[in-house]
């Protein structure tokens, strides 16, 4: 039963078969239960199993590293601190999802800290998915802090996804961009019932000709609450763009707080935000094709968050 639960969670936040057939470390309830490394990727446990050190060598191409976290114990808090280095001129995908299964009445908490360095000329695609399941009375809580430094001529692409089931979540992401460093962030969040999420993204563009693009999509249903803080700080010749769109339903509440700061005359920063309901015309069009109103809404929401 436990193995089946683990596999289902892994498939929600990643792909179980790809994990086991690739470079990976699976952490379950505070302990590493499976690990595969390679000549080009080193994975080392920190003292007291508090996290990982992941080192990718220079000039490594086409490698995917999986470091999922699984929590199935109730009344349990797992604190993880990972340090990750992507070597110069490497091109790597890193998938660091977390999934919780809590079938009890108490809370399960994931506190994760990632410190990542993307070295000169490297490319990193970083995917972080959060998913939870279990009883309606148990609390599934996710708190993450991510600190990333993107060095000269390096590129970072981030996907931050909260799929479903997370009762409370606080996400803090701080990124420093050096000369010619480029960043693209895609954030997708879904909340329902009385779930709450706070997402804080702070980008410091200290390097000349650095760029940042943030695209955030969220859906808030029922009585859930979402708060977004976006900060672009242009300290050199740079360009930054934030696009934040939210669909709000029922009695939900969404707050978007942008902050643009420039200390260089050649910094170009833009923020766009929109919060609103699903257009009735879209629902009616799908219903005319034979869908029920609920099916039409689900189809629109899935497309919006895709």
C-alpha atoms as a PDB file:
ATOM      1  CA  UNK A   1       0.000   0.000   0.000  1.00  0.00           C
ATOM      2  CA  UNK A   2       2.803   2.385   0.956  1.00  0.00           C
ATOM      3  CA  UNK A   3       4.644   1.693  -2.305  1.00  0.00           C
ATOM      4  CA  UNK A   4       1.463   2.340  -4.300  1.00  0.00           C
ATOM      5  CA  UNK A   5       0.902   5.654  -2.506  1.00  0.00           C
ATOM      6  CA  UNK A   6       4.502   6.669  -3.160  1.00  0.00           C
ATOM      7  CA  UNK A   7       4.222   5.800  -6.844  1.00  0.00           C
ATOM      8  CA  UNK A   8       0.983   7.755  -7.227  1.00  0.00           C
ATOM      9  CA  UNK A   9       2.549  10.798  -5.577  1.00  0.00           C
ATOM     10  CA  UNK A  10       5.656  10.568  -7.754  1.00  0.00           C
ATOM     11  CA  UNK A  11       3.466  10.482 -10.850  1.00  0.00           C
ATOM     12  CA  UNK A  12       1.611  13.603  -9.696  1.00  0.00           C
ATOM     13  CA  UNK A  13       4.773  15.655  -9.176  1.00  0.00           C
ATOM     14  CA  UNK A  14       6.992  14.002 -11.802  1.00  0.00           C
ATOM     15  CA  UNK A  15       7.104  10.632 -13.599  1.00  0.00           C
ATOM     16  CA  UNK A  16       7.896   7.574 -11.486  1.00  0.00           C
ATOM     17  CA  UNK A  17       9.400   5.518 -14.319  1.00  0.00           C
ATOM     18  CA  UNK A  18      11.642   8.353 -15.481  1.00  0.00           C
ATOM     19  CA  UNK A  19      12.784   8.974 -11.906  1.00  0.00           C
ATOM     20  CA  UNK A  20      13.892   5.399 -11.268  1.00  0.00           C
ATOM     21  CA  UNK A  21      15.557   5.138 -14.675  1.00  0.00           C
ATOM     22  CA  UNK A  22      17.490   8.388 -14.288  1.00  0.00           C
ATOM     23  CA  UNK A  23      19.721  10.344 -11.930  1.00  0.00           C
ATOM     24  CA  UNK A  24      17.726  10.830  -8.749  1.00  0.00           C
ATOM     25  CA  UNK A  25      17.346  10.996  -5.004  1.00  0.00           C
ATOM     26  CA  UNK A  26      13.958  10.152  -3.497  1.00  0.00           C
ATOM     27  CA  UNK A  27      13.373  11.450   0.013  1.00  0.00           C
ATOM     28  CA  UNK A  28      10.511   9.858   1.957  1.00  0.00           C
ATOM     29  CA  UNK A  29       9.522  10.988   5.465  1.00  0.00           C
ATOM     30  CA  UNK A  30      12.921  12.543   6.112  1.00  0.00           C
ATOM     31  CA  UNK A  31      15.122   9.765   4.707  1.00  0.00           C
ATOM     32  CA  UNK A  32      16.635   8.930   1.338  1.00  0.00           C
ATOM     33  CA  UNK A  33      15.062   5.702   0.028  1.00  0.00           C
ATOM     34  CA  UNK A  34      16.585   5.586  -3.453  1.00  0.00           C
ATOM     35  CA  UNK A  35      19.548   7.247  -5.143  1.00  0.00           C
ATOM     36  CA  UNK A  36      21.289   6.963  -8.497  1.00  0.00           C
ATOM     37  CA  UNK A  37      24.190   9.215  -9.502  1.00  0.00           C
ATOM     38  CA  UNK A  38      26.426   9.368 -12.574  1.00  0.00           C
ATOM     39  CA  UNK A  39      29.938  10.354 -13.579  1.00  0.00           C
ATOM     40  CA  UNK A  40      28.672  13.876 -14.284  1.00  0.00           C
ATOM     41  CA  UNK A  41      26.227  14.363 -11.402  1.00  0.00           C
ATOM     42  CA  UNK A  42      27.199  13.997  -7.751  1.00  0.00           C
ATOM     43  CA  UNK A  43      24.523  13.724  -5.027  1.00  0.00           C
ATOM     44  CA  UNK A  44      25.687  13.826  -1.405  1.00  0.00           C
ATOM     45  CA  UNK A  45      23.598  13.729   1.780  1.00  0.00           C
ATOM     46  CA  UNK A  46      24.161  16.536   4.238  1.00  0.00           C
ATOM     47  CA  UNK A  47      24.807  15.837   7.899  1.00  0.00           C
ATOM     48  CA  UNK A  48      21.847  14.319   9.789  1.00  0.00           C
ATOM     49  CA  UNK A  49      19.975  13.776   6.511  1.00  0.00           C
ATOM     50  CA  UNK A  50      19.048  17.465   6.499  1.00  0.00           C
ATOM     51  CA  UNK A  51      19.254  17.761   2.723  1.00  0.00           C
ATOM     52  CA  UNK A  52      21.377  17.250  -0.360  1.00  0.00           C
ATOM     53  CA  UNK A  53      24.393  18.657  -2.135  1.00  0.00           C
ATOM     54  CA  UNK A  54      23.958  18.234  -5.891  1.00  0.00           C
ATOM     55  CA  UNK A  55      26.953  19.026  -8.094  1.00  0.00           C
ATOM     56  CA  UNK A  56      26.682  18.959 -11.883  1.00  0.00           C
ATOM     57  CA  UNK A  57      30.034  19.119 -13.660  1.00  0.00           C
ATOM     58  CA  UNK A  58      30.937  21.591 -16.418  1.00  0.00           C
ATOM     59  CA  UNK A  59      29.792  20.939 -20.008  1.00  0.00           C
ATOM     60  CA  UNK A  60      27.148  18.341 -19.095  1.00  0.00           C
ATOM     61  CA  UNK A  61      24.385  18.227 -21.695  1.00  0.00           C
ATOM     62  CA  UNK A  62      20.865  16.789 -21.713  1.00  0.00           C
ATOM     63  CA  UNK A  63      20.721  15.415 -18.170  1.00  0.00           C
ATOM     64  CA  UNK A  64      17.609  15.425 -15.962  1.00  0.00           C
ATOM     65  CA  UNK A  65      18.063  15.244 -12.189  1.00  0.00           C
ATOM     66  CA  UNK A  66      15.068  14.232 -10.021  1.00  0.00           C
ATOM     67  CA  UNK A  67      15.019  15.080  -6.297  1.00  0.00           C
ATOM     68  CA  UNK A  68      11.397  14.501  -5.176  1.00  0.00           C
ATOM     69  CA  UNK A  69      10.181  14.595  -1.586  1.00  0.00           C
ATOM     70  CA  UNK A  70       7.355  12.346  -0.331  1.00  0.00           C
ATOM     71  CA  UNK A  71       5.577  12.746   3.013  1.00  0.00           C
ATOM     72  CA  UNK A  72       3.079  10.121   4.193  1.00  0.00           C
ATOM     73  CA  UNK A  73       3.358  10.516   7.987  1.00  0.00           C
ATOM     74  CA  UNK A  74       0.897  12.709   9.847  1.00  0.00           C
ATOM     75  CA  UNK A  75       1.925  14.995  12.698  1.00  0.00           C
ATOM     76  CA  UNK A  76       5.291  15.251  10.963  1.00  0.00           C
ATOM     77  CA  UNK A  77       7.487  18.131   9.782  1.00  0.00           C
ATOM     78  CA  UNK A  78      10.247  17.531   7.251  1.00  0.00           C
ATOM     79  CA  UNK A  79      12.818  20.303   6.887  1.00  0.00           C
ATOM     80  CA  UNK A  80      15.029  20.021   3.809  1.00  0.00           C
ATOM     81  CA  UNK A  81      17.974  22.234   2.837  1.00  0.00           C
ATOM     82  CA  UNK A  82      19.442  21.508  -0.592  1.00  0.00           C
ATOM     83  CA  UNK A  83      22.518  23.093  -2.181  1.00  0.00           C
ATOM     84  CA  UNK A  84      22.758  22.754  -5.956  1.00  0.00           C
ATOM     85  CA  UNK A  85      25.558  23.751  -8.337  1.00  0.00           C
ATOM     86  CA  UNK A  86      25.129  23.688 -12.108  1.00  0.00           C
ATOM     87  CA  UNK A  87      28.544  23.675 -13.779  1.00  0.00           C
ATOM     88  CA  UNK A  88      29.662  26.077 -16.500  1.00  0.00           C
ATOM     89  CA  UNK A  89      28.174  25.561 -19.983  1.00  0.00           C
ATOM     90  CA  UNK A  90      25.966  22.689 -18.814  1.00  0.00           C
ATOM     91  CA  UNK A  91      22.351  22.206 -19.919  1.00  0.00           C
ATOM     92  CA  UNK A  92      20.302  20.481 -17.212  1.00  0.00           C
ATOM     93  CA  UNK A  93      16.712  19.872 -16.075  1.00  0.00           C
ATOM     94  CA  UNK A  94      16.139  19.690 -12.309  1.00  0.00           C
ATOM     95  CA  UNK A  95      12.773  18.458 -10.995  1.00  0.00           C
ATOM     96  CA  UNK A  96      12.226  19.045  -7.277  1.00  0.00           C
ATOM     97  CA  UNK A  97       8.591  18.303  -6.536  1.00  0.00           C
ATOM     98  CA  UNK A  98       7.005  17.488  -3.185  1.00  0.00           C
ATOM     99  CA  UNK A  99       3.916  15.389  -2.555  1.00  0.00           C
ATOM    100  CA  UNK A 100       2.017  14.753   0.682  1.00  0.00           C
ATOM    101  CA  UNK A 101      -0.430  11.976   1.577  1.00  0.00           C
ATOM    102  CA  UNK A 102      -2.069  12.507   4.969  1.00  0.00           C
ATOM    103  CA  UNK A 103      -4.892  10.114   5.837  1.00  0.00           C
ATOM    104  CA  UNK A 104      -5.068  11.193   9.490  1.00  0.00           C
ATOM    105  CA  UNK A 105      -6.346  14.187  11.440  1.00  0.00           C
ATOM    106  CA  UNK A 106      -3.110  16.041  12.226  1.00  0.00           C
ATOM    107  CA  UNK A 107      -0.892  18.202  10.034  1.00  0.00           C
ATOM    108  CA  UNK A 108       1.997  17.330   7.743  1.00  0.00           C
ATOM    109  CA  UNK A 109       4.526  20.077   6.986  1.00  0.00           C
ATOM    110  CA  UNK A 110       7.178  20.387   4.297  1.00  0.00           C
ATOM    111  CA  UNK A 111       9.733  23.157   4.886  1.00  0.00           C
ATOM    112  CA  UNK A 112      12.118  23.304   1.938  1.00  0.00           C
ATOM    113  CA  UNK A 113      15.106  25.535   1.249  1.00  0.00           C
ATOM    114  CA  UNK A 114      16.941  25.425  -2.076  1.00  0.00           C
ATOM    115  CA  UNK A 115      20.173  27.298  -2.741  1.00  0.00           C
ATOM    116  CA  UNK A 116      21.082  27.097  -6.422  1.00  0.00           C
ATOM    117  CA  UNK A 117      23.988  28.484  -8.430  1.00  0.00           C
ATOM    118  CA  UNK A 118      23.778  28.453 -12.226  1.00  0.00           C
ATOM    119  CA  UNK A 119      27.334  29.079 -13.334  1.00  0.00           C
ATOM    120  CA  UNK A 120      28.669  30.904 -16.391  1.00  0.00           C
ATOM    121  CA  UNK A 121      27.044  29.932 -19.681  1.00  0.00           C
ATOM    122  CA  UNK A 122      24.903  27.200 -18.133  1.00  0.00           C
ATOM    123  CA  UNK A 123      21.217  26.525 -18.767  1.00  0.00           C
ATOM    124  CA  UNK A 124      18.914  25.198 -16.067  1.00  0.00           C
ATOM    125  CA  UNK A 125      15.240  24.301 -16.278  1.00  0.00           C
ATOM    126  CA  UNK A 126      13.986  24.048 -12.703  1.00  0.00           C
ATOM    127  CA  UNK A 127      10.567  22.488 -12.053  1.00  0.00           C
ATOM    128  CA  UNK A 128       8.929  22.545  -8.622  1.00  0.00           C
ATOM    129  CA  UNK A 129       5.496  20.942  -8.220  1.00  0.00           C
ATOM    130  CA  UNK A 130       3.486  20.735  -4.997  1.00  0.00           C
ATOM    131  CA  UNK A 131       0.657  18.243  -4.535  1.00  0.00           C
ATOM    132  CA  UNK A 132      -1.293  16.953  -1.533  1.00  0.00           C
ATOM    133  CA  UNK A 133      -4.036  14.410  -0.866  1.00  0.00           C
ATOM    134  CA  UNK A 134      -5.753  12.778   2.095  1.00  0.00           C
ATOM    135  CA  UNK A 135      -8.541  13.500   4.541  1.00  0.00           C
ATOM    136  CA  UNK A 136     -10.335  16.836   4.589  1.00  0.00           C
ATOM    137  CA  UNK A 137      -9.574  17.356   8.296  1.00  0.00           C
ATOM    138  CA  UNK A 138      -5.796  16.920   8.039  1.00  0.00           C
ATOM    139  CA  UNK A 139      -3.635  19.916   7.169  1.00  0.00           C
ATOM    140  CA  UNK A 140      -1.080  19.717   4.372  1.00  0.00           C
ATOM    141  CA  UNK A 141       1.353  22.626   4.647  1.00  0.00           C
ATOM    142  CA  UNK A 142       4.156  23.619   2.254  1.00  0.00           C
ATOM    143  CA  UNK A 143       6.702  26.373   2.942  1.00  0.00           C
ATOM    144  CA  UNK A 144       9.572  26.912   0.516  1.00  0.00           C
ATOM    145  CA  UNK A 145      12.456  29.335   0.203  1.00  0.00           C
ATOM    146  CA  UNK A 146      14.506  29.345  -2.985  1.00  0.00           C
ATOM    147  CA  UNK A 147      17.669  31.389  -3.465  1.00  0.00           C
ATOM    148  CA  UNK A 148      19.219  31.348  -6.926  1.00  0.00           C
ATOM    149  CA  UNK A 149      22.211  33.128  -8.429  1.00  0.00           C
ATOM    150  CA  UNK A 150      22.455  33.155 -12.227  1.00  0.00           C
ATOM    151  CA  UNK A 151      25.931  34.030 -13.430  1.00  0.00           C
ATOM    152  CA  UNK A 152      27.230  35.622 -16.638  1.00  0.00           C
ATOM    153  CA  UNK A 153      25.649  34.374 -19.894  1.00  0.00           C
ATOM    154  CA  UNK A 154      23.582  31.778 -18.004  1.00  0.00           C
ATOM    155  CA  UNK A 155      19.883  31.044 -18.511  1.00  0.00           C
ATOM    156  CA  UNK A 156      17.307  29.915 -15.961  1.00  0.00           C
ATOM    157  CA  UNK A 157      13.786  28.691 -16.682  1.00  0.00           C
ATOM    158  CA  UNK A 158      11.511  27.992 -13.706  1.00  0.00           C
ATOM    159  CA  UNK A 159       8.118  26.283 -13.440  1.00  0.00           C
ATOM    160  CA  UNK A 160       6.389  26.700 -10.068  1.00  0.00           C
ATOM    161  CA  UNK A 161       3.214  24.624  -9.888  1.00  0.00           C
ATOM    162  CA  UNK A 162       0.778  24.035  -7.027  1.00  0.00           C
ATOM    163  CA  UNK A 163      -1.530  21.340  -8.356  1.00  0.00           C
ATOM    164  CA  UNK A 164      -4.144  20.721  -5.660  1.00  0.00           C
ATOM    165  CA  UNK A 165      -4.751  19.704  -2.066  1.00  0.00           C
ATOM    166  CA  UNK A 166      -2.363  22.152  -0.389  1.00  0.00           C
ATOM    167  CA  UNK A 167      -4.088  23.764   2.602  1.00  0.00           C
ATOM    168  CA  UNK A 168      -1.466  26.406   3.356  1.00  0.00           C
ATOM    169  CA  UNK A 169       1.578  27.480   1.400  1.00  0.00           C
ATOM    170  CA  UNK A 170       4.190  30.219   1.663  1.00  0.00           C
ATOM    171  CA  UNK A 171       6.651  30.466  -1.215  1.00  0.00           C
ATOM    172  CA  UNK A 172       9.624  32.823  -1.284  1.00  0.00           C
ATOM    173  CA  UNK A 173      11.850  33.028  -4.357  1.00  0.00           C
ATOM    174  CA  UNK A 174      14.864  35.349  -4.598  1.00  0.00           C
ATOM    175  CA  UNK A 175      16.973  35.449  -7.763  1.00  0.00           C
ATOM    176  CA  UNK A 176      20.093  37.469  -8.632  1.00  0.00           C
ATOM    177  CA  UNK A 177      20.930  37.962 -12.310  1.00  0.00           C
ATOM    178  CA  UNK A 178      24.446  38.865 -13.457  1.00  0.00           C
ATOM    179  CA  UNK A 179      25.685  40.178 -16.840  1.00  0.00           C
ATOM    180  CA  UNK A 180      23.737  38.753 -19.778  1.00  0.00           C
ATOM    181  CA  UNK A 181      21.822  36.386 -17.493  1.00  0.00           C
ATOM    182  CA  UNK A 182      18.275  35.541 -18.536  1.00  0.00           C
ATOM    183  CA  UNK A 183      15.300  34.335 -16.514  1.00  0.00           C
ATOM    184  CA  UNK A 184      11.820  33.048 -17.373  1.00  0.00           C
ATOM    185  CA  UNK A 185       9.407  32.078 -14.573  1.00  0.00           C
ATOM    186  CA  UNK A 186       6.050  30.392 -15.129  1.00  0.00           C
ATOM    187  CA  UNK A 187       3.858  30.085 -12.029  1.00  0.00           C
ATOM    188  CA  UNK A 188       0.574  28.132 -11.934  1.00  0.00           C
ATOM    189  CA  UNK A 189      -1.481  27.901  -8.745  1.00  0.00           C
ATOM    190  CA  UNK A 190      -4.890  26.412  -7.942  1.00  0.00           C
ATOM    191  CA  UNK A 191      -6.711  26.820  -4.615  1.00  0.00           C
ATOM    192  CA  UNK A 192     -10.156  25.810  -3.389  1.00  0.00           C
ATOM    193  CA  UNK A 193     -12.155  25.352  -0.175  1.00  0.00           C
ATOM    194  CA  UNK A 194     -10.343  27.347   2.561  1.00  0.00           C
ATOM    195  CA  UNK A 195      -6.832  26.936   1.180  1.00  0.00           C
ATOM    196  CA  UNK A 196      -4.369  29.823   1.383  1.00  0.00           C
ATOM    197  CA  UNK A 197      -1.210  30.608  -0.564  1.00  0.00           C
ATOM    198  CA  UNK A 198       1.301  33.442  -0.461  1.00  0.00           C
ATOM    199  CA  UNK A 199       3.878  33.713  -3.242  1.00  0.00           C
ATOM    200  CA  UNK A 200       6.736  36.211  -3.040  1.00  0.00           C
ATOM    201  CA  UNK A 201       9.055  36.538  -6.054  1.00  0.00           C
ATOM    202  CA  UNK A 202      11.965  38.968  -5.872  1.00  0.00           C
ATOM    203  CA  UNK A 203      14.336  39.497  -8.815  1.00  0.00           C
ATOM    204  CA  UNK A 204      17.546  41.535  -8.548  1.00  0.00           C
ATOM    205  CA  UNK A 205      18.979  42.438 -11.944  1.00  0.00           C
ATOM    206  CA  UNK A 206      22.497  43.527 -11.039  1.00  0.00           C
ATOM    207  CA  UNK A 207      24.115  42.577 -14.355  1.00  0.00           C
ATOM    208  CA  UNK A 208      24.259  44.515 -17.602  1.00  0.00           C
ATOM    209  CA  UNK A 209      21.826  43.263 -20.278  1.00  0.00           C
ATOM    210  CA  UNK A 210      20.130  40.868 -17.871  1.00  0.00           C
ATOM    211  CA  UNK A 211      16.451  40.081 -18.414  1.00  0.00           C
ATOM    212  CA  UNK A 212      13.540  38.610 -16.471  1.00  0.00           C
ATOM    213  CA  UNK A 213      10.064  37.508 -17.503  1.00  0.00           C
ATOM    214  CA  UNK A 214       7.461  36.312 -14.995  1.00  0.00           C
ATOM    215  CA  UNK A 215       4.129  34.824 -16.082  1.00  0.00           C
ATOM    216  CA  UNK A 216       1.755  33.934 -13.242  1.00  0.00           C
ATOM    217  CA  UNK A 217      -1.596  32.176 -13.703  1.00  0.00           C
ATOM    218  CA  UNK A 218      -3.869  31.279 -10.815  1.00  0.00           C
ATOM    219  CA  UNK A 219      -7.383  30.074 -10.081  1.00  0.00           C
ATOM    220  CA  UNK A 220      -9.025  30.730  -6.704  1.00  0.00           C
ATOM    221  CA  UNK A 221     -12.307  28.948  -5.884  1.00  0.00           C
ATOM    222  CA  UNK A 222     -14.691  28.706  -2.923  1.00  0.00           C
ATOM    223  CA  UNK A 223     -13.312  30.572   0.122  1.00  0.00           C
ATOM    224  CA  UNK A 224      -9.626  30.272  -0.728  1.00  0.00           C
ATOM    225  CA  UNK A 225      -7.132  33.140  -0.561  1.00  0.00           C
ATOM    226  CA  UNK A 226      -4.145  33.995  -2.724  1.00  0.00           C
ATOM    227  CA  UNK A 227      -1.577  36.757  -2.243  1.00  0.00           C
ATOM    228  CA  UNK A 228       1.150  37.511  -4.779  1.00  0.00           C
ATOM    229  CA  UNK A 229       4.131  39.804  -4.266  1.00  0.00           C
ATOM    230  CA  UNK A 230       6.248  40.539  -7.334  1.00  0.00           C
ATOM    231  CA  UNK A 231       9.353  42.701  -7.139  1.00  0.00           C
ATOM    232  CA  UNK A 232      11.656  43.600 -10.024  1.00  0.00           C
ATOM    233  CA  UNK A 233      14.755  45.554  -9.034  1.00  0.00           C
ATOM    234  CA  UNK A 234      16.741  46.895 -11.989  1.00  0.00           C
ATOM    235  CA  UNK A 235      20.221  47.950 -10.911  1.00  0.00           C
ATOM    236  CA  UNK A 236      21.817  47.998 -14.370  1.00  0.00           C
ATOM    237  CA  UNK A 237      20.818  48.134 -18.025  1.00  0.00           C
ATOM    238  CA  UNK A 238      18.163  45.419 -18.051  1.00  0.00           C
ATOM    239  CA  UNK A 239      14.614  44.495 -18.989  1.00  0.00           C
ATOM    240  CA  UNK A 240      11.894  42.944 -16.871  1.00  0.00           C
ATOM    241  CA  UNK A 241       8.263  42.025 -17.450  1.00  0.00           C
ATOM    242  CA  UNK A 242       5.630  40.655 -15.060  1.00  0.00           C
ATOM    243  CA  UNK A 243       2.279  39.313 -16.251  1.00  0.00           C
ATOM    244  CA  UNK A 244      -0.124  38.166 -13.537  1.00  0.00           C
ATOM    245  CA  UNK A 245      -3.602  36.850 -14.395  1.00  0.00           C
ATOM    246  CA  UNK A 246      -6.047  35.318 -11.923  1.00  0.00           C
ATOM    247  CA  UNK A 247      -9.511  33.814 -12.219  1.00  0.00           C
ATOM    248  CA  UNK A 248     -11.619  34.299  -9.103  1.00  0.00           C
ATOM    249  CA  UNK A 249     -14.740  32.269  -8.287  1.00  0.00           C
ATOM    250  CA  UNK A 250     -17.323  32.084  -5.496  1.00  0.00           C
ATOM    251  CA  UNK A 251     -16.085  33.836  -2.317  1.00  0.00           C
ATOM    252  CA  UNK A 252     -12.364  33.580  -3.016  1.00  0.00           C
ATOM    253  CA  UNK A 253      -9.940  36.478  -2.582  1.00  0.00           C
ATOM    254  CA  UNK A 254      -6.891  37.319  -4.710  1.00  0.00           C
ATOM    255  CA  UNK A 255      -4.381  40.090  -4.027  1.00  0.00           C
ATOM    256  CA  UNK A 256      -1.546  41.043  -6.382  1.00  0.00           C
ATOM    257  CA  UNK A 257       1.108  43.467  -5.120  1.00  0.00           C
ATOM    258  CA  UNK A 258       3.608  44.609  -7.758  1.00  0.00           C
ATOM    259  CA  UNK A 259       6.794  46.544  -7.052  1.00  0.00           C
ATOM    260  CA  UNK A 260       9.091  47.939  -9.722  1.00  0.00           C
ATOM    261  CA  UNK A 261      12.355  49.545  -8.660  1.00  0.00           C
ATOM    262  CA  UNK A 262      15.058  50.977 -10.928  1.00  0.00           C
ATOM    263  CA  UNK A 263      18.384  52.591 -10.077  1.00  0.00           C
ATOM    264  CA  UNK A 264      19.684  52.758 -13.652  1.00  0.00           C
ATOM    265  CA  UNK A 265      18.300  54.923 -16.455  1.00  0.00           C
ATOM    266  CA  UNK A 266      18.541  52.017 -18.915  1.00  0.00           C
ATOM    267  CA  UNK A 267      16.344  49.699 -16.859  1.00  0.00           C
ATOM    268  CA  UNK A 268      13.015  48.885 -18.545  1.00  0.00           C
ATOM    269  CA  UNK A 269      10.444  47.299 -16.233  1.00  0.00           C
ATOM    270  CA  UNK A 270       6.780  46.477 -16.909  1.00  0.00           C
ATOM    271  CA  UNK A 271       4.010  44.968 -14.787  1.00  0.00           C
ATOM    272  CA  UNK A 272       0.590  43.817 -15.990  1.00  0.00           C
ATOM    273  CA  UNK A 273      -2.091  42.293 -13.775  1.00  0.00           C
ATOM    274  CA  UNK A 274      -5.676  41.156 -14.245  1.00  0.00           C
ATOM    275  CA  UNK A 275      -8.148  39.555 -11.836  1.00  0.00           C
ATOM    276  CA  UNK A 276     -11.628  38.522 -12.927  1.00  0.00           C
ATOM    277  CA  UNK A 277     -14.228  35.824 -13.382  1.00  0.00           C
ATOM    278  CA  UNK A 278     -14.705  33.432 -16.287  1.00  0.00           C
ATOM    279  CA  UNK A 279     -16.455  35.190 -19.157  1.00  0.00           C
ATOM    280  CA  UNK A 280     -20.026  33.923 -19.518  1.00  0.00           C
ATOM    281  CA  UNK A 281     -19.603  33.887 -23.312  1.00  0.00           C
ATOM    282  CA  UNK A 282     -16.878  31.243 -22.998  1.00  0.00           C
ATOM    283  CA  UNK A 283     -19.094  29.021 -20.840  1.00  0.00           C
ATOM    284  CA  UNK A 284     -22.106  29.372 -23.147  1.00  0.00           C
ATOM    285  CA  UNK A 285     -19.995  28.531 -26.198  1.00  0.00           C
ATOM    286  CA  UNK A 286     -18.811  25.271 -24.657  1.00  0.00           C
ATOM    287  CA  UNK A 287     -22.289  24.419 -23.368  1.00  0.00           C
ATOM    288  CA  UNK A 288     -23.591  24.810 -26.924  1.00  0.00           C
ATOM    289  CA  UNK A 289     -21.192  21.990 -27.852  1.00  0.00           C
ATOM    290  CA  UNK A 290     -22.848  19.660 -25.345  1.00  0.00           C
ATOM    291  CA  UNK A 291     -20.906  20.287 -22.140  1.00  0.00           C
ATOM    292  CA  UNK A 292     -22.601  20.941 -18.816  1.00  0.00           C
ATOM    293  CA  UNK A 293     -21.859  24.247 -17.085  1.00  0.00           C
ATOM    294  CA  UNK A 294     -19.497  22.498 -14.647  1.00  0.00           C
ATOM    295  CA  UNK A 295     -17.707  20.681 -17.476  1.00  0.00           C
ATOM    296  CA  UNK A 296     -17.368  23.949 -19.382  1.00  0.00           C
ATOM    297  CA  UNK A 297     -15.842  25.682 -16.356  1.00  0.00           C
ATOM    298  CA  UNK A 298     -13.394  22.818 -15.777  1.00  0.00           C
ATOM    299  CA  UNK A 299     -12.319  22.895 -19.431  1.00  0.00           C
ATOM    300  CA  UNK A 300     -11.667  26.641 -19.309  1.00  0.00           C
ATOM    301  CA  UNK A 301      -9.729  26.408 -16.037  1.00  0.00           C
ATOM    302  CA  UNK A 302      -7.540  23.559 -17.288  1.00  0.00           C
ATOM    303  CA  UNK A 303      -6.688  25.530 -20.406  1.00  0.00           C
ATOM    304  CA  UNK A 304      -5.938  28.662 -18.371  1.00  0.00           C
ATOM    305  CA  UNK A 305      -3.535  26.825 -16.054  1.00  0.00           C
ATOM    306  CA  UNK A 306      -1.903  24.701 -18.773  1.00  0.00           C
END
